[in-house]
Amino acid sequence: MDRKTDHRFSPLLALHPDDLESLLTTPTEALFGAVLRLNRYPRYHNSLNAVVIAGLVLEIQHREPPGHLPAR
């Protein structure tokens, strides 16, 4: 069965824009810990799914920039 992500609601929308910006610049090896730290903030009340958010941030970090042509 093909599983597709439901993009009508992204868990990234639950993040404050400054927090998302910070995560997008966090090195891969520190990303999960950074999400866990954010989750402890009163703003989030342990409501973040750290695994899902870290995965989505990694997807964004590893996307090709717009207009980028693949190497031949």
PDB file of N, CA and C in Angstrom:
ATOM      1  N   MET A   1       0.838  -1.176   0.000  1.00  0.00           N
ATOM      2  CA  MET A   1       0.000   0.000   0.000  1.00  0.00           C
ATOM      3  C   MET A   1       0.886   1.244   0.000  1.00  0.00           C
ATOM      4  N   ASP A   2       0.572   2.168  -0.867  1.00  0.00           N
ATOM      5  CA  ASP A   2       1.331   3.408  -0.982  1.00  0.00           C
ATOM      6  C   ASP A   2       0.852   4.387   0.085  1.00  0.00           C
ATOM      7  N   ARG A   3       1.761   4.804   0.943  1.00  0.00           N
ATOM      8  CA  ARG A   3       1.401   5.759   1.997  1.00  0.00           C
ATOM      9  C   ARG A   3       1.872   7.132   1.588  1.00  0.00           C
ATOM     10  N   LYS A   4       0.947   8.052   1.515  1.00  0.00           N
ATOM     11  CA  LYS A   4       1.292   9.425   1.178  1.00  0.00           C
ATOM     12  C   LYS A   4       1.039  10.306   2.390  1.00  0.00           C
ATOM     13  N   THR A   5       1.860  11.317   2.533  1.00  0.00           N
ATOM     14  CA  THR A   5       1.707  12.253   3.635  1.00  0.00           C
ATOM     15  C   THR A   5       0.484  13.134   3.400  1.00  0.00           C
ATOM     16  N   ASP A   6      -0.315  13.310   4.432  1.00  0.00           N
ATOM     17  CA  ASP A   6      -1.464  14.214   4.359  1.00  0.00           C
ATOM     18  C   ASP A   6      -0.955  15.625   4.607  1.00  0.00           C
ATOM     19  N   HIS A   7      -0.900  16.434   3.550  1.00  0.00           N
ATOM     20  CA  HIS A   7      -0.333  17.769   3.655  1.00  0.00           C
ATOM     21  C   HIS A   7      -1.359  18.835   4.017  1.00  0.00           C
ATOM     22  N   ARG A   8      -2.593  18.415   4.319  1.00  0.00           N
ATOM     23  CA  ARG A   8      -3.595  19.407   4.713  1.00  0.00           C
ATOM     24  C   ARG A   8      -3.236  20.019   6.059  1.00  0.00           C
ATOM     25  N   PHE A   9      -2.599  19.236   6.911  1.00  0.00           N
ATOM     26  CA  PHE A   9      -2.108  19.761   8.181  1.00  0.00           C
ATOM     27  C   PHE A   9      -0.703  19.227   8.388  1.00  0.00           C
ATOM     28  N   SER A  10       0.227  20.115   8.465  1.00  0.00           N
ATOM     29  CA  SER A  10       1.602  19.716   8.732  1.00  0.00           C
ATOM     30  C   SER A  10       1.920  20.021  10.184  1.00  0.00           C
ATOM     31  N   PRO A  11       2.536  19.074  10.894  1.00  0.00           N
ATOM     32  CA  PRO A  11       2.952  19.355  12.269  1.00  0.00           C
ATOM     33  C   PRO A  11       3.890  20.551  12.368  1.00  0.00           C
ATOM     34  N   LEU A  12       4.512  20.923  11.259  1.00  0.00           N
ATOM     35  CA  LEU A  12       5.396  22.091  11.267  1.00  0.00           C
ATOM     36  C   LEU A  12       4.615  23.378  11.486  1.00  0.00           C
ATOM     37  N   LEU A  13       3.331  23.360  11.163  1.00  0.00           N
ATOM     38  CA  LEU A  13       2.497  24.546  11.377  1.00  0.00           C
ATOM     39  C   LEU A  13       2.294  24.846  12.857  1.00  0.00           C
ATOM     40  N   ALA A  14       2.523  23.862  13.709  1.00  0.00           N
ATOM     41  CA  ALA A  14       2.382  24.052  15.157  1.00  0.00           C
ATOM     42  C   ALA A  14       3.575  24.805  15.747  1.00  0.00           C
ATOM     43  N   LEU A  15       4.651  24.917  14.962  1.00  0.00           N
ATOM     44  CA  LEU A  15       5.861  25.571  15.450  1.00  0.00           C
ATOM     45  C   LEU A  15       5.793  27.081  15.251  1.00  0.00           C
ATOM     46  N   HIS A  16       6.326  27.797  16.210  1.00  0.00           N
ATOM     47  CA  HIS A  16       6.499  29.245  16.068  1.00  0.00           C
ATOM     48  C   HIS A  16       7.502  29.456  14.931  1.00  0.00           C
ATOM     49  N   PRO A  17       7.300  30.443  14.070  1.00  0.00           N
ATOM     50  CA  PRO A  17       8.207  30.651  12.928  1.00  0.00           C
ATOM     51  C   PRO A  17       9.687  30.742  13.315  1.00  0.00           C
ATOM     52  N   ASP A  18       9.999  31.381  14.431  1.00  0.00           N
ATOM     53  CA  ASP A  18      11.409  31.470  14.856  1.00  0.00           C
ATOM     54  C   ASP A  18      11.963  30.096  15.219  1.00  0.00           C
ATOM     55  N   ASP A  19      11.133  29.263  15.823  1.00  0.00           N
ATOM     56  CA  ASP A  19      11.572  27.914  16.196  1.00  0.00           C
ATOM     57  C   ASP A  19      11.797  27.061  14.951  1.00  0.00           C
ATOM     58  N   LEU A  20      10.899  27.177  13.979  1.00  0.00           N
ATOM     59  CA  LEU A  20      11.070  26.430  12.733  1.00  0.00           C
ATOM     60  C   LEU A  20      12.331  26.881  12.010  1.00  0.00           C
ATOM     61  N   GLU A  21      12.558  28.176  11.960  1.00  0.00           N
ATOM     62  CA  GLU A  21      13.773  28.687  11.316  1.00  0.00           C
ATOM     63  C   GLU A  21      15.023  28.137  11.995  1.00  0.00           C
ATOM     64  N   SER A  22      14.988  28.087  13.312  1.00  0.00           N
ATOM     65  CA  SER A  22      16.117  27.537  14.057  1.00  0.00           C
ATOM     66  C   SER A  22      16.336  26.059  13.728  1.00  0.00           C
ATOM     67  N   LEU A  23      15.262  25.298  13.669  1.00  0.00           N
ATOM     68  CA  LEU A  23      15.384  23.872  13.351  1.00  0.00           C
ATOM     69  C   LEU A  23      15.925  23.655  11.944  1.00  0.00           C
ATOM     70  N   LEU A  24      15.519  24.496  11.019  1.00  0.00           N
ATOM     71  CA  LEU A  24      15.976  24.337   9.637  1.00  0.00           C
ATOM     72  C   LEU A  24      17.473  24.564   9.480  1.00  0.00           C
ATOM     73  N   THR A  25      18.081  25.255  10.426  1.00  0.00           N
ATOM     74  CA  THR A  25      19.528  25.485  10.370  1.00  0.00           C
ATOM     75  C   THR A  25      20.299  24.609  11.360  1.00  0.00           C
ATOM     76  N   THR A  26      19.602  23.726  12.038  1.00  0.00           N
ATOM     77  CA  THR A  26      20.239  22.831  13.009  1.00  0.00           C
ATOM     78  C   THR A  26      20.896  21.666  12.275  1.00  0.00           C
ATOM     79  N   PRO A  27      22.122  21.313  12.647  1.00  0.00           N
ATOM     80  CA  PRO A  27      22.787  20.164  12.021  1.00  0.00           C
ATOM     81  C   PRO A  27      21.982  18.877  12.261  1.00  0.00           C
ATOM     82  N   THR A  28      22.053  17.976  11.309  1.00  0.00           N
ATOM     83  CA  THR A  28      21.298  16.724  11.356  1.00  0.00           C
ATOM     84  C   THR A  28      21.468  15.987  12.671  1.00  0.00           C
ATOM     85  N   GLU A  29      22.686  15.887  13.135  1.00  0.00           N
ATOM     86  CA  GLU A  29      22.954  15.094  14.347  1.00  0.00           C
ATOM     87  C   GLU A  29      22.373  15.733  15.609  1.00  0.00           C
ATOM     88  N   ALA A  30      22.035  17.003  15.571  1.00  0.00           N
ATOM     89  CA  ALA A  30      21.489  17.693  16.746  1.00  0.00           C
ATOM     90  C   ALA A  30      19.989  17.961  16.630  1.00  0.00           C
ATOM     91  N   LEU A  31      19.398  17.588  15.510  1.00  0.00           N
ATOM     92  CA  LEU A  31      18.017  17.960  15.221  1.00  0.00           C
ATOM     93  C   LEU A  31      17.007  17.354  16.188  1.00  0.00           C
ATOM     94  N   PHE A  32      17.074  16.061  16.421  1.00  0.00           N
ATOM     95  CA  PHE A  32      16.112  15.403  17.304  1.00  0.00           C
ATOM     96  C   PHE A  32      16.167  16.005  18.707  1.00  0.00           C
ATOM     97  N   GLY A  33      17.351  16.219  19.220  1.00  0.00           N
ATOM     98  CA  GLY A  33      17.510  16.833  20.543  1.00  0.00           C
ATOM     99  C   GLY A  33      16.951  18.247  20.584  1.00  0.00           C
ATOM    100  N   ALA A  34      17.123  18.987  19.498  1.00  0.00           N
ATOM    101  CA  ALA A  34      16.599  20.359  19.440  1.00  0.00           C
ATOM    102  C   ALA A  34      15.072  20.351  19.503  1.00  0.00           C
ATOM    103  N   VAL A  35      14.450  19.405  18.799  1.00  0.00           N
ATOM    104  CA  VAL A  35      12.984  19.314  18.852  1.00  0.00           C
ATOM    105  C   VAL A  35      12.534  18.917  20.256  1.00  0.00           C
ATOM    106  N   LEU A  36      13.249  17.992  20.882  1.00  0.00           N
ATOM    107  CA  LEU A  36      12.896  17.591  22.253  1.00  0.00           C
ATOM    108  C   LEU A  36      12.994  18.769  23.218  1.00  0.00           C
ATOM    109  N   ARG A  37      14.010  19.606  23.043  1.00  0.00           N
ATOM    110  CA  ARG A  37      14.140  20.787  23.904  1.00  0.00           C
ATOM    111  C   ARG A  37      12.977  21.755  23.672  1.00  0.00           C
ATOM    112  N   LEU A  38      12.624  21.977  22.410  1.00  0.00           N
ATOM    113  CA  LEU A  38      11.483  22.849  22.123  1.00  0.00           C
ATOM    114  C   LEU A  38      10.206  22.307  22.761  1.00  0.00           C
ATOM    115  N   ASN A  39      10.062  21.008  22.727  1.00  0.00           N
ATOM    116  CA  ASN A  39       8.858  20.368  23.249  1.00  0.00           C
ATOM    117  C   ASN A  39       8.652  20.656  24.733  1.00  0.00           C
ATOM    118  N   ARG A  40       9.719  20.932  25.447  1.00  0.00           N
ATOM    119  CA  ARG A  40       9.619  21.233  26.889  1.00  0.00           C
ATOM    120  C   ARG A  40       9.221  22.677  27.148  1.00  0.00           C
ATOM    121  N   TYR A  41       9.268  23.526  26.133  1.00  0.00           N
ATOM    122  CA  TYR A  41       8.880  24.925  26.316  1.00  0.00           C
ATOM    123  C   TYR A  41       7.401  25.012  26.684  1.00  0.00           C
ATOM    124  N   PRO A  42       7.043  25.951  27.548  1.00  0.00           N
ATOM    125  CA  PRO A  42       5.625  26.131  27.901  1.00  0.00           C
ATOM    126  C   PRO A  42       4.737  26.360  26.673  1.00  0.00           C
ATOM    127  N   ARG A  43       5.303  26.939  25.629  1.00  0.00           N
ATOM    128  CA  ARG A  43       4.541  27.208  24.401  1.00  0.00           C
ATOM    129  C   ARG A  43       3.986  25.918  23.792  1.00  0.00           C
ATOM    130  N   TYR A  44       4.696  24.804  23.966  1.00  0.00           N
ATOM    131  CA  TYR A  44       4.310  23.549  23.311  1.00  0.00           C
ATOM    132  C   TYR A  44       3.724  22.509  24.270  1.00  0.00           C
ATOM    133  N   HIS A  45       3.985  22.617  25.541  1.00  0.00           N
ATOM    134  CA  HIS A  45       3.399  21.718  26.548  1.00  0.00           C
ATOM    135  C   HIS A  45       3.531  20.236  26.174  1.00  0.00           C
ATOM    136  N   ASN A  46       4.696  19.840  25.691  1.00  0.00           N
ATOM    137  CA  ASN A  46       4.944  18.447  25.287  1.00  0.00           C
ATOM    138  C   ASN A  46       3.947  17.939  24.256  1.00  0.00           C
ATOM    139  N   SER A  47       3.508  18.809  23.369  1.00  0.00           N
ATOM    140  CA  SER A  47       2.524  18.406  22.361  1.00  0.00           C
ATOM    141  C   SER A  47       3.142  18.091  20.995  1.00  0.00           C
ATOM    142  N   LEU A  48       4.447  18.287  20.863  1.00  0.00           N
ATOM    143  CA  LEU A  48       5.105  18.059  19.578  1.00  0.00           C
ATOM    144  C   LEU A  48       5.484  16.594  19.417  1.00  0.00           C
ATOM    145  N   ASN A  49       5.296  16.064  18.220  1.00  0.00           N
ATOM    146  CA  ASN A  49       5.765  14.720  17.895  1.00  0.00           C
ATOM    147  C   ASN A  49       7.178  14.899  17.329  1.00  0.00           C
ATOM    148  N   ALA A  50       8.158  14.687  18.181  1.00  0.00           N
ATOM    149  CA  ALA A  50       9.552  14.986  17.826  1.00  0.00           C
ATOM    150  C   ALA A  50      10.042  14.159  16.646  1.00  0.00           C
ATOM    151  N   VAL A  51       9.628  12.921  16.549  1.00  0.00           N
ATOM    152  CA  VAL A  51      10.082  12.065  15.451  1.00  0.00           C
ATOM    153  C   VAL A  51       9.551  12.592  14.116  1.00  0.00           C
ATOM    154  N   VAL A  52       8.265  12.915  14.074  1.00  0.00           N
ATOM    155  CA  VAL A  52       7.658  13.415  12.839  1.00  0.00           C
ATOM    156  C   VAL A  52       8.254  14.769  12.455  1.00  0.00           C
ATOM    157  N   ILE A  53       8.371  15.661  13.421  1.00  0.00           N
ATOM    158  CA  ILE A  53       8.908  16.993  13.116  1.00  0.00           C
ATOM    159  C   ILE A  53      10.351  16.904  12.644  1.00  0.00           C
ATOM    160  N   ALA A  54      11.167  16.115  13.312  1.00  0.00           N
ATOM    161  CA  ALA A  54      12.557  15.964  12.873  1.00  0.00           C
ATOM    162  C   ALA A  54      12.608  15.400  11.456  1.00  0.00           C
ATOM    163  N   GLY A  55      11.767  14.439  11.152  1.00  0.00           N
ATOM    164  CA  GLY A  55      11.737  13.858   9.811  1.00  0.00           C
ATOM    165  C   GLY A  55      11.344  14.875   8.751  1.00  0.00           C
ATOM    166  N   LEU A  56      10.326  15.679   9.039  1.00  0.00           N
ATOM    167  CA  LEU A  56       9.887  16.701   8.082  1.00  0.00           C
ATOM    168  C   LEU A  56      10.963  17.763   7.870  1.00  0.00           C
ATOM    169  N   VAL A  57      11.627  18.160   8.949  1.00  0.00           N
ATOM    170  CA  VAL A  57      12.706  19.151   8.822  1.00  0.00           C
ATOM    171  C   VAL A  57      13.842  18.573   7.983  1.00  0.00           C
ATOM    172  N   LEU A  58      14.176  17.309   8.199  1.00  0.00           N
ATOM    173  CA  LEU A  58      15.223  16.675   7.388  1.00  0.00           C
ATOM    174  C   LEU A  58      14.841  16.658   5.912  1.00  0.00           C
ATOM    175  N   GLU A  59      13.576  16.372   5.618  1.00  0.00           N
ATOM    176  CA  GLU A  59      13.125  16.394   4.228  1.00  0.00           C
ATOM    177  C   GLU A  59      13.349  17.775   3.607  1.00  0.00           C
ATOM    178  N   ILE A  60      12.999  18.806   4.345  1.00  0.00           N
ATOM    179  CA  ILE A  60      13.164  20.170   3.834  1.00  0.00           C
ATOM    180  C   ILE A  60      14.646  20.498   3.662  1.00  0.00           C
ATOM    181  N   GLN A  61      15.455  20.124   4.643  1.00  0.00           N
ATOM    182  CA  GLN A  61      16.886  20.426   4.576  1.00  0.00           C
ATOM    183  C   GLN A  61      17.552  19.757   3.370  1.00  0.00           C
ATOM    184  N   HIS A  62      17.044  18.615   2.955  1.00  0.00           N
ATOM    185  CA  HIS A  62      17.702  17.861   1.889  1.00  0.00           C
ATOM    186  C   HIS A  62      17.043  18.027   0.527  1.00  0.00           C
ATOM    187  N   ARG A  63      16.077  18.918   0.413  1.00  0.00           N
ATOM    188  CA  ARG A  63      15.457  19.200  -0.888  1.00  0.00           C
ATOM    189  C   ARG A  63      16.414  19.971  -1.774  1.00  0.00           C
ATOM    190  N   GLU A  64      16.265  19.725  -3.067  1.00  0.00           N
ATOM    191  CA  GLU A  64      17.037  20.494  -4.039  1.00  0.00           C
ATOM    192  C   GLU A  64      16.478  21.905  -4.074  1.00  0.00           C
ATOM    193  N   PRO A  65      17.322  22.913  -4.169  1.00  0.00           N
ATOM    194  CA  PRO A  65      16.805  24.273  -4.291  1.00  0.00           C
ATOM    195  C   PRO A  65      16.018  24.437  -5.584  1.00  0.00           C
ATOM    196  N   PRO A  66      15.018  25.331  -5.592  1.00  0.00           N
ATOM    197  CA  PRO A  66      14.243  25.554  -6.815  1.00  0.00           C
ATOM    198  C   PRO A  66      15.159  25.941  -7.982  1.00  0.00           C
ATOM    199  N   GLY A  67      14.882  25.395  -9.130  1.00  0.00           N
ATOM    200  CA  GLY A  67      15.676  25.727 -10.312  1.00  0.00           C
ATOM    201  C   GLY A  67      16.977  24.937 -10.415  1.00  0.00           C
ATOM    202  N   HIS A  68      17.227  24.072  -9.432  1.00  0.00           N
ATOM    203  CA  HIS A  68      18.465  23.285  -9.443  1.00  0.00           C
ATOM    204  C   HIS A  68      18.322  22.141 -10.440  1.00  0.00           C
ATOM    205  N   LEU A  69      19.283  22.001 -11.336  1.00  0.00           N
ATOM    206  CA  LEU A  69      19.257  20.906 -12.289  1.00  0.00           C
ATOM    207  C   LEU A  69      20.106  19.752 -11.770  1.00  0.00           C
ATOM    208  N   PRO A  70      19.580  18.534 -11.855  1.00  0.00           N
ATOM    209  CA  PRO A  70      20.369  17.395 -11.386  1.00  0.00           C
ATOM    210  C   PRO A  70      21.643  17.217 -12.224  1.00  0.00           C
ATOM    211  N   ALA A  71      22.686  16.716 -11.607  1.00  0.00           N
ATOM    212  CA  ALA A  71      23.947  16.462 -12.305  1.00  0.00           C
ATOM    213  C   ALA A  71      23.745  15.338 -13.312  1.00  0.00           C
ATOM    214  N   ARG A  72      24.410  15.459 -14.442  1.00  0.00           N
ATOM    215  CA  ARG A  72      24.294  14.417 -15.476  1.00  0.00           C
ATOM    216  C   ARG A  72      25.566  13.643 -15.590  1.00  0.00           C
TER     217      ARG A  72
END
